[in-house]
Amino acid sequence: MAEKTAGRVRPGAMAFVLLTVALSWSIWIATWLATGQPTEFHGQGAMTAAIYAGSFGPGVAAAILSAISRPGSLKEWLRGFTRLRCGWRAYAAALMPFPLALLLLTIALGYAPRPEGLHGMAPILLYLTVFPVSIFNGVATAIMGAGPLGEEGGWRGYLLPRLLEQGGEVRASLIIGIVWALWHLPIMAMFADWRSGVPFIAYLPLYTLGVIGLSFVMSRVWLIGRGSLIPCIWLHGLVNAVGGIAFDRNLWASRWPQEAGTFHFAIAAALTAAFLFWAGRSKRHC
């Protein structure tokens, strides 16, 4: 839907979702067809570049729609990328609970470092990579990775405030989580290595649960940071940095099957979201 503001159309949530999907999917699918429909993207230079380029779809869509909206909308949208002073609580919420939840679940669920995966390193280093080193790895991933920079201006910078105008935080986070997860659908379906070899039919619902949980976490961080995208970008970089490490059967020995790692990742996201909601409610009642 779109609404009229001062004689001009203000594009809404649906316009953003449709434009984002059109931009990203056209790049991914066209390149996949042009490169012979590969089943893995690692080692495929053109496909990797296309995934990177398509990951900017949400941000590009947000920039376009902000530019054609009411005067000042583009400047207001860009301000989210520069609002460094948003309070220490926003950075703490972004950087501490999620990797800590991953670490505690790793221990509680019996994941143990595989000696062959460590290449001679001490096992403690793998635990430290999950937490707290992932906090600092998240900086590099946020700067270099397409996901944090390319996506957050869309999901949190554009879509979230518009959905919050229409309803509450829970509704907005749930909608974004579903859209965010399904936006990955072509990559998820085309590349087995992207989903760590887990069958698509099992991976899709588990991955969607995890992304919905992360959406609740991201919404809380955005609200705590009063609309700043910087903690969200950092958190997104952290998630990307630790996503290939946590519960990976090549690095951790456990009794759990491969697909369980995706579910355990979703549990960590849900626990983090629950903690942030509880902390926010406790603060309001103080």
Protein backbone atom coordinates (compact mmCIF):
# COMPACT_ATOMS: atom_id res chain seq x y z
CA MET A 1 0.00 0.00 0.00
CA ALA A 2 1.02 3.62 -0.48
CA GLU A 3 -0.34 6.74 1.16
CA LYS A 4 -0.52 10.34 -0.05
CA THR A 5 1.53 12.90 1.86
CA ALA A 6 1.42 16.61 0.94
CA GLY A 7 0.36 15.85 -2.63
CA ARG A 8 2.96 13.13 -3.15
CA VAL A 9 2.67 9.37 -2.83
CA ARG A 10 4.52 7.88 0.12
CA PRO A 11 5.46 4.32 -0.89
CA GLY A 12 4.58 1.80 1.76
CA ALA A 13 5.65 -1.64 2.92
CA MET A 14 4.23 -3.62 0.01
CA ALA A 15 5.95 -1.43 -2.58
CA PHE A 16 9.24 -1.98 -0.78
CA VAL A 17 8.85 -5.77 -0.61
CA LEU A 18 7.92 -6.08 -4.28
CA LEU A 19 10.77 -3.85 -5.46
CA THR A 20 13.29 -5.62 -3.22
CA VAL A 21 12.29 -9.06 -4.50
CA ALA A 22 12.33 -7.85 -8.11
CA LEU A 23 15.83 -6.37 -7.78
CA SER A 24 17.47 -9.24 -5.90
CA TRP A 25 15.77 -12.22 -7.52
CA SER A 26 16.33 -10.94 -11.06
CA ILE A 27 20.08 -10.68 -10.42
CA TRP A 28 20.36 -14.06 -8.71
CA ILE A 29 18.18 -16.07 -11.09
CA ALA A 30 19.50 -14.47 -14.29
CA THR A 31 23.11 -15.12 -13.28
CA TRP A 32 22.30 -18.68 -12.18
CA LEU A 33 20.76 -19.42 -15.58
CA ALA A 34 23.61 -17.70 -17.43
CA THR A 35 26.27 -19.71 -15.56
CA GLY A 36 24.75 -23.12 -16.32
CA GLN A 37 22.57 -23.53 -13.22
CA PRO A 38 25.33 -24.51 -10.75
CA THR A 39 24.36 -26.42 -7.61
CA GLU A 40 27.10 -24.77 -5.52
CA PHE A 41 28.18 -21.14 -5.47
CA HIS A 42 31.60 -21.60 -3.79
CA GLY A 43 34.25 -21.40 -6.47
CA GLN A 44 31.78 -19.78 -8.89
CA GLY A 45 33.13 -16.25 -9.25
CA ALA A 46 30.23 -14.84 -11.27
CA MET A 47 27.63 -16.42 -9.01
CA THR A 48 29.33 -15.22 -5.84
CA ALA A 49 29.46 -11.69 -7.29
CA ALA A 50 25.77 -11.91 -8.20
CA ILE A 51 24.81 -13.01 -4.69
CA TYR A 52 26.80 -10.08 -3.32
CA ALA A 53 25.18 -7.61 -5.74
CA GLY A 54 21.66 -8.94 -5.16
CA SER A 55 22.12 -8.61 -1.42
CA PHE A 56 21.97 -4.83 -1.87
CA GLY A 57 18.39 -5.14 -3.14
CA PRO A 58 16.73 -4.08 0.15
CA GLY A 59 18.98 -1.05 0.55
CA VAL A 60 18.64 0.04 -3.07
CA ALA A 61 14.85 -0.37 -2.92
CA ALA A 62 14.73 1.71 0.27
CA ALA A 63 16.88 4.45 -1.29
CA ILE A 64 14.71 4.61 -4.44
CA LEU A 65 11.43 4.73 -2.54
CA SER A 66 12.76 7.29 -0.07
CA ALA A 67 13.94 9.48 -2.94
CA ILE A 68 10.52 9.54 -4.62
CA SER A 69 8.66 10.04 -1.35
CA ARG A 70 8.04 13.32 0.47
CA PRO A 71 10.84 15.92 0.62
CA GLY A 72 13.46 15.07 3.21
CA SER A 73 12.67 11.34 3.27
CA LEU A 74 15.97 10.34 1.67
CA LYS A 75 17.98 12.48 4.09
CA GLU A 76 16.01 11.05 7.00
CA TRP A 77 16.70 7.51 5.77
CA LEU A 78 20.43 8.18 5.32
CA ARG A 79 20.65 9.59 8.84
CA GLY A 80 20.16 6.09 10.22
CA PHE A 81 23.59 5.11 8.86
CA THR A 82 25.39 7.96 10.64
CA ARG A 83 23.73 8.02 14.07
CA LEU A 84 26.69 6.76 16.08
CA ARG A 85 25.53 8.17 19.40
CA CYS A 86 22.57 5.95 20.16
CA GLY A 87 23.42 4.86 23.70
CA TRP A 88 25.58 2.07 25.08
CA ARG A 89 22.52 -0.12 25.68
CA ALA A 90 21.93 -0.45 21.93
CA TYR A 91 25.48 -1.67 21.35
CA ALA A 92 25.31 -3.99 24.35
CA ALA A 93 22.01 -5.46 23.11
CA ALA A 94 23.46 -5.94 19.65
CA LEU A 95 26.77 -7.52 20.63
CA MET A 96 26.44 -9.48 23.86
CA PRO A 97 23.30 -11.64 24.21
CA PHE A 98 23.30 -13.52 20.89
CA PRO A 99 26.90 -14.83 20.83
CA LEU A 100 26.60 -15.61 24.53
CA ALA A 101 23.43 -17.62 23.85
CA LEU A 102 25.27 -19.52 21.11
CA LEU A 103 28.17 -20.30 23.42
CA LEU A 104 25.93 -21.49 26.27
CA LEU A 105 23.90 -23.69 23.89
CA THR A 106 27.10 -25.13 22.41
CA ILE A 107 28.12 -26.27 25.89
CA ALA A 108 24.64 -27.31 27.08
CA LEU A 109 23.90 -29.39 23.98
CA GLY A 110 27.20 -31.24 24.11
CA TYR A 111 29.02 -29.80 21.10
CA ALA A 112 32.76 -30.49 21.40
CA PRO A 113 35.51 -29.16 19.10
CA ARG A 114 36.73 -31.67 16.51
CA PRO A 115 40.54 -31.99 16.66
CA GLU A 116 40.72 -32.41 12.88
CA GLY A 117 38.79 -29.19 12.38
CA LEU A 118 41.11 -27.18 14.60
CA HIS A 119 44.27 -27.85 12.56
CA GLY A 120 46.41 -27.99 15.67
CA MET A 121 44.77 -25.10 17.51
CA ALA A 122 43.71 -25.39 21.14
CA PRO A 123 39.99 -26.29 21.55
CA ILE A 124 39.44 -23.19 23.70
CA LEU A 125 40.06 -21.05 20.60
CA LEU A 126 36.94 -22.40 18.94
CA TYR A 127 34.83 -21.45 21.97
CA LEU A 128 36.43 -18.01 21.95
CA THR A 129 35.63 -17.65 18.25
CA VAL A 130 31.94 -18.06 19.08
CA PHE A 131 32.26 -15.61 21.98
CA PRO A 132 33.73 -13.03 22.39
CA VAL A 133 35.92 -12.88 19.27
CA SER A 134 32.84 -12.95 17.03
CA ILE A 135 31.98 -9.48 18.38
CA PHE A 136 35.11 -8.08 16.75
CA ASN A 137 34.81 -10.31 13.68
CA GLY A 138 31.40 -8.74 13.22
CA VAL A 139 33.02 -5.37 12.52
CA ALA A 140 34.98 -6.71 9.55
CA THR A 141 32.01 -8.69 8.28
CA ALA A 142 29.75 -5.66 8.58
CA ILE A 143 32.16 -3.51 6.57
CA MET A 144 32.97 -6.08 3.90
CA GLY A 145 29.78 -8.12 3.79
CA ALA A 146 26.87 -7.26 1.52
CA GLY A 147 24.29 -8.47 4.04
CA PRO A 148 24.82 -5.92 6.81
CA LEU A 149 25.32 -2.88 4.59
CA GLY A 150 23.06 -3.92 1.75
CA GLU A 151 20.13 -5.20 3.78
CA GLU A 152 19.79 -3.22 7.00
CA GLY A 153 18.91 0.03 5.27
CA GLY A 154 15.91 -1.84 3.88
CA TRP A 155 14.67 -4.20 6.58
CA ARG A 156 15.26 -1.95 9.58
CA GLY A 157 15.84 1.43 7.94
CA TYR A 158 12.73 1.43 5.75
CA LEU A 159 10.34 -1.47 6.35
CA LEU A 160 10.37 -1.61 10.16
CA PRO A 161 9.30 2.00 10.85
CA ARG A 162 6.46 1.72 8.34
CA LEU A 163 5.16 -1.50 9.85
CA LEU A 164 5.43 0.00 13.34
CA GLU A 165 3.12 2.79 12.18
CA GLN A 166 0.52 0.17 11.27
CA GLY A 167 0.85 -2.09 14.32
CA GLY A 168 3.00 -3.17 17.22
CA GLU A 169 6.56 -4.43 17.48
CA VAL A 170 5.59 -8.11 17.57
CA ARG A 171 3.54 -7.89 14.37
CA ALA A 172 6.22 -5.86 12.57
CA SER A 173 9.01 -8.23 13.62
CA LEU A 174 7.04 -11.31 12.56
CA ILE A 175 6.24 -9.88 9.12
CA ILE A 176 9.82 -8.79 8.50
CA GLY A 177 11.14 -12.15 9.67
CA ILE A 178 8.97 -14.06 7.20
CA VAL A 179 9.74 -11.67 4.31
CA TRP A 180 13.45 -11.62 5.17
CA ALA A 181 13.65 -15.42 5.22
CA LEU A 182 11.67 -15.96 2.00
CA TRP A 183 13.71 -13.25 0.23
CA HIS A 184 16.60 -15.79 0.42
CA LEU A 185 14.45 -18.44 -1.28
CA PRO A 186 16.25 -18.60 -4.67
CA ILE A 187 19.71 -18.91 -3.09
CA MET A 188 18.41 -21.42 -0.60
CA ALA A 189 16.84 -23.56 -3.33
CA MET A 190 19.70 -23.34 -5.84
CA PHE A 191 22.77 -23.98 -3.69
CA ALA A 192 23.21 -26.98 -1.41
CA ASP A 193 26.41 -25.56 0.07
CA TRP A 194 24.57 -22.40 1.14
CA ARG A 195 22.34 -24.55 3.35
CA SER A 196 25.28 -26.72 4.51
CA GLY A 197 23.97 -29.76 2.66
CA VAL A 198 20.72 -29.90 4.62
CA PRO A 199 17.78 -30.94 2.37
CA PHE A 200 15.78 -27.93 1.20
CA ILE A 201 12.47 -29.26 2.55
CA ALA A 202 13.97 -29.47 6.06
CA TYR A 203 16.09 -26.34 5.85
CA LEU A 204 13.36 -23.89 4.80
CA PRO A 205 11.18 -24.04 7.95
CA LEU A 206 14.19 -24.23 10.29
CA TYR A 207 15.91 -21.30 8.60
CA THR A 208 12.67 -19.29 8.64
CA LEU A 209 12.32 -19.84 12.39
CA GLY A 210 15.88 -18.61 12.93
CA VAL A 211 15.41 -15.50 10.80
CA ILE A 212 12.13 -14.66 12.55
CA GLY A 213 13.96 -14.87 15.87
CA LEU A 214 16.72 -12.61 14.54
CA SER A 215 14.07 -10.19 13.26
CA PHE A 216 12.70 -9.80 16.80
CA VAL A 217 16.24 -9.21 18.07
CA MET A 218 16.98 -6.65 15.35
CA SER A 219 13.73 -4.76 15.99
CA ARG A 220 14.54 -4.49 19.69
CA VAL A 221 18.06 -3.27 18.95
CA TRP A 222 16.73 -0.68 16.46
CA LEU A 223 14.22 0.59 19.02
CA ILE A 224 16.78 0.74 21.82
CA GLY A 225 19.10 2.63 19.49
CA ARG A 226 16.35 5.12 18.61
CA GLY A 227 16.45 4.34 14.90
CA SER A 228 20.21 4.04 14.48
CA LEU A 229 21.23 1.40 11.95
CA ILE A 230 24.81 1.12 13.19
CA PRO A 231 24.13 -1.40 16.01
CA CYS A 232 21.89 -3.37 13.61
CA ILE A 233 24.61 -3.46 10.94
CA TRP A 234 27.17 -4.59 13.52
CA LEU A 235 24.82 -7.29 14.83
CA HIS A 236 24.12 -8.47 11.27
CA GLY A 237 27.86 -8.69 10.68
CA LEU A 238 28.24 -10.67 13.90
CA VAL A 239 25.52 -13.10 12.81
CA ASN A 240 27.27 -13.62 9.47
CA ALA A 241 30.64 -14.08 11.17
CA VAL A 242 29.43 -16.72 13.60
CA GLY A 243 26.81 -18.34 11.34
CA GLY A 244 29.32 -20.60 9.62
CA ILE A 245 30.96 -21.59 12.90
CA ALA A 246 28.19 -22.29 15.38
CA PHE A 247 27.00 -25.93 15.39
CA ASP A 248 28.92 -26.78 12.18
CA ARG A 249 29.48 -30.54 12.10
CA ASN A 250 32.87 -29.99 10.42
CA LEU A 251 34.05 -28.10 13.51
CA TRP A 252 31.99 -29.62 16.32
CA ALA A 253 31.41 -33.25 17.25
CA SER A 254 27.96 -33.99 18.64
CA ARG A 255 25.15 -36.52 18.70
CA TRP A 256 22.95 -34.15 16.70
CA PRO A 257 22.27 -34.50 12.95
CA GLN A 258 23.36 -31.73 10.56
CA GLU A 259 19.93 -30.12 10.31
CA ALA A 260 19.75 -29.79 14.11
CA GLY A 261 22.41 -27.08 13.93
CA THR A 262 20.00 -24.82 12.04
CA PHE A 263 17.35 -25.46 14.69
CA HIS A 264 19.80 -24.77 17.52
CA PHE A 265 20.74 -21.49 15.82
CA ALA A 266 17.03 -20.61 15.81
CA ILE A 267 16.80 -21.44 19.52
CA ALA A 268 19.70 -19.07 20.25
CA ALA A 269 17.93 -16.30 18.33
CA ALA A 270 14.66 -16.95 20.20
CA LEU A 271 16.40 -16.93 23.58
CA THR A 272 18.13 -13.66 22.70
CA ALA A 273 14.85 -12.06 21.64
CA ALA A 274 13.12 -13.25 24.82
CA PHE A 275 15.94 -11.85 26.97
CA LEU A 276 15.84 -8.44 25.25
CA PHE A 277 12.06 -8.23 25.63
CA TRP A 278 12.33 -9.20 29.30
CA ALA A 279 15.12 -6.68 29.89
CA GLY A 280 13.10 -3.95 28.22
CA ARG A 281 10.03 -4.72 30.28
CA SER A 282 12.06 -4.84 33.51
CA LYS A 283 13.60 -1.45 32.69
CA ARG A 284 10.15 0.07 32.10
CA HIS A 285 8.92 -1.17 35.48
CA CYS A 286 11.91 0.19 37.41
